[in-house]
C-alpha atoms as a PDB file:
ATOM      1  CA  UNK A   1      -3.875  -1.738   8.424  1.00  0.00           C
ATOM      2  CA  UNK A   2      -1.553   0.615  10.211  1.00  0.00           C
ATOM      3  CA  UNK A   3       1.752   1.413   8.498  1.00  0.00           C
ATOM      4  CA  UNK A   4       3.610   1.323  11.821  1.00  0.00           C
ATOM      5  CA  UNK A   5       2.939  -0.632  15.002  1.00  0.00           C
ATOM      6  CA  UNK A   6       2.602   2.591  17.047  1.00  0.00           C
ATOM      7  CA  UNK A   7       0.195   4.203  14.577  1.00  0.00           C
ATOM      8  CA  UNK A   8      -3.330   5.114  15.476  1.00  0.00           C
ATOM      9  CA  UNK A   9      -6.290   5.756  13.266  1.00  0.00           C
ATOM     10  CA  UNK A  10      -7.519   9.329  13.527  1.00  0.00           C
ATOM     11  CA  UNK A  11     -11.174   9.697  12.658  1.00  0.00           C
ATOM     12  CA  UNK A  12     -12.157  13.227  11.682  1.00  0.00           C
ATOM     13  CA  UNK A  13     -15.772  13.097  10.605  1.00  0.00           C
ATOM     14  CA  UNK A  14     -16.021  10.253   8.118  1.00  0.00           C
ATOM     15  CA  UNK A  15     -12.446  10.568   6.787  1.00  0.00           C
ATOM     16  CA  UNK A  16     -10.004   8.220   8.560  1.00  0.00           C
ATOM     17  CA  UNK A  17      -6.364   9.367   8.536  1.00  0.00           C
ATOM     18  CA  UNK A  18      -3.275   7.447   9.704  1.00  0.00           C
ATOM     19  CA  UNK A  19      -1.039   9.343  12.105  1.00  0.00           C
ATOM     20  CA  UNK A  20       2.308   8.587  13.645  1.00  0.00           C
ATOM     21  CA  UNK A  21       4.237  11.604  14.899  1.00  0.00           C
ATOM     22  CA  UNK A  22       2.816  14.107  12.433  1.00  0.00           C
ATOM     23  CA  UNK A  23       0.883  17.177  13.520  1.00  0.00           C
ATOM     24  CA  UNK A  24      -2.832  17.026  12.798  1.00  0.00           C
ATOM     25  CA  UNK A  25      -4.562  20.204  11.631  1.00  0.00           C
ATOM     26  CA  UNK A  26      -8.108  19.195  12.528  1.00  0.00           C
ATOM     27  CA  UNK A  27      -8.943  20.046  16.140  1.00  0.00           C
ATOM     28  CA  UNK A  28     -11.759  17.479  16.559  1.00  0.00           C
ATOM     29  CA  UNK A  29      -9.883  14.183  16.258  1.00  0.00           C
ATOM     30  CA  UNK A  30     -10.738  10.920  17.968  1.00  0.00           C
ATOM     31  CA  UNK A  31      -8.042   8.250  18.344  1.00  0.00           C
ATOM     32  CA  UNK A  32      -8.996   4.596  17.928  1.00  0.00           C
ATOM     33  CA  UNK A  33      -6.507   1.894  18.850  1.00  0.00           C
ATOM     34  CA  UNK A  34      -6.251  -0.662  16.048  1.00  0.00           C
ATOM     35  CA  UNK A  35      -5.716  -4.301  16.956  1.00  0.00           C
ATOM     36  CA  UNK A  36      -4.248  -6.544  14.301  1.00  0.00           C
ATOM     37  CA  UNK A  37      -2.831 -10.036  14.189  1.00  0.00           C
ATOM     38  CA  UNK A  38       0.202 -11.345  12.315  1.00  0.00           C
ATOM     39  CA  UNK A  39       1.623 -14.804  11.738  1.00  0.00           C
ATOM     40  CA  UNK A  40       5.098 -15.573  13.037  1.00  0.00           C
ATOM     41  CA  UNK A  41       7.011 -18.485  11.493  1.00  0.00           C
ATOM     42  CA  UNK A  42       9.641 -20.032  13.765  1.00  0.00           C
ATOM     43  CA  UNK A  43      12.433 -21.385  11.559  1.00  0.00           C
ATOM     44  CA  UNK A  44      15.125 -23.682  12.940  1.00  0.00           C
ATOM     45  CA  UNK A  45      18.571 -22.708  11.682  1.00  0.00           C
ATOM     46  CA  UNK A  46      21.678 -24.440  13.058  1.00  0.00           C
ATOM     47  CA  UNK A  47      19.840 -25.421  16.236  1.00  0.00           C
ATOM     48  CA  UNK A  48      18.512 -21.905  16.869  1.00  0.00           C
ATOM     49  CA  UNK A  49      14.868 -21.007  16.384  1.00  0.00           C
ATOM     50  CA  UNK A  50      14.439 -17.692  14.535  1.00  0.00           C
ATOM     51  CA  UNK A  51      11.103 -15.814  14.417  1.00  0.00           C
ATOM     52  CA  UNK A  52      10.108 -14.535  10.963  1.00  0.00           C
ATOM     53  CA  UNK A  53       7.063 -12.364  10.256  1.00  0.00           C
ATOM     54  CA  UNK A  54       5.015 -13.722   7.341  1.00  0.00           C
ATOM     55  CA  UNK A  55       4.558 -11.429   4.327  1.00  0.00           C
ATOM     56  CA  UNK A  56       1.751 -11.306   1.785  1.00  0.00           C
ATOM     57  CA  UNK A  57       2.109 -11.426  -2.005  1.00  0.00           C
ATOM     58  CA  UNK A  58       2.968  -7.695  -2.070  1.00  0.00           C
ATOM     59  CA  UNK A  59       5.877  -8.204   0.353  1.00  0.00           C
ATOM     60  CA  UNK A  60       4.007  -6.395   3.127  1.00  0.00           C
ATOM     61  CA  UNK A  61       3.343  -7.775   6.601  1.00  0.00           C
ATOM     62  CA  UNK A  62       0.415 -10.178   6.356  1.00  0.00           C
ATOM     63  CA  UNK A  63      -2.090  -8.704   8.819  1.00  0.00           C
ATOM     64  CA  UNK A  64      -5.472  -9.981   9.936  1.00  0.00           C
ATOM     65  CA  UNK A  65      -8.268  -7.993  11.580  1.00  0.00           C
ATOM     66  CA  UNK A  66      -9.585 -10.983  13.539  1.00  0.00           C
ATOM     67  CA  UNK A  67      -7.723 -13.532  15.613  1.00  0.00           C
ATOM     68  CA  UNK A  68      -9.887 -16.336  14.187  1.00  0.00           C
ATOM     69  CA  UNK A  69      -8.770 -15.534  10.631  1.00  0.00           C
ATOM     70  CA  UNK A  70      -5.105 -15.786  11.565  1.00  0.00           C
ATOM     71  CA  UNK A  71      -5.625 -18.940  13.662  1.00  0.00           C
ATOM     72  CA  UNK A  72      -7.291 -20.705  10.744  1.00  0.00           C
ATOM     73  CA  UNK A  73      -4.236 -20.048   8.524  1.00  0.00           C
ATOM     74  CA  UNK A  74      -1.823 -21.045  11.327  1.00  0.00           C
ATOM     75  CA  UNK A  75      -3.617 -24.360  11.824  1.00  0.00           C
ATOM     76  CA  UNK A  76      -3.301 -25.127   8.110  1.00  0.00           C
ATOM     77  CA  UNK A  77       0.381 -24.126   8.019  1.00  0.00           C
ATOM     78  CA  UNK A  78       1.254 -26.168  11.137  1.00  0.00           C
ATOM     79  CA  UNK A  79      -0.559 -29.233   9.755  1.00  0.00           C
ATOM     80  CA  UNK A  80       1.429 -28.999   6.501  1.00  0.00           C
ATOM     81  CA  UNK A  81       4.857 -28.110   7.906  1.00  0.00           C
ATOM     82  CA  UNK A  82       7.333 -30.945   7.451  1.00  0.00           C
ATOM     83  CA  UNK A  83      10.527 -28.908   7.819  1.00  0.00           C
ATOM     84  CA  UNK A  84      10.243 -28.411  11.580  1.00  0.00           C
ATOM     85  CA  UNK A  85       8.927 -24.866  11.272  1.00  0.00           C
ATOM     86  CA  UNK A  86       6.218 -23.777  13.671  1.00  0.00           C
ATOM     87  CA  UNK A  87       3.671 -20.995  13.214  1.00  0.00           C
ATOM     88  CA  UNK A  88       1.914 -18.814  15.780  1.00  0.00           C
ATOM     89  CA  UNK A  89      -0.396 -15.800  15.884  1.00  0.00           C
ATOM     90  CA  UNK A  90       0.895 -12.606  17.468  1.00  0.00           C
ATOM     91  CA  UNK A  91      -1.267  -9.630  18.409  1.00  0.00           C
ATOM     92  CA  UNK A  92       0.059  -6.200  17.456  1.00  0.00           C
ATOM     93  CA  UNK A  93      -1.242  -2.814  18.510  1.00  0.00           C
END
């Protein structure tokens, strides 16, 4: 997935390239907006609910390409949460 939330995937021929604010040398570039979904864990700490983005096993943001994939995990996490934490899916662009 995209390294930054404002990144776009540049497709030049069949070679996709991530771009943020860098200059692209290929003149025929098409931008495709990438939609991704993340899981937010709401943790209660001293009466205040704090949002925390879930990470994967490589300590990177756990991203999903499809909303249904993320919702399936959220339903499992919410069903097994006994500490008062709550999980939700958030769309990122």
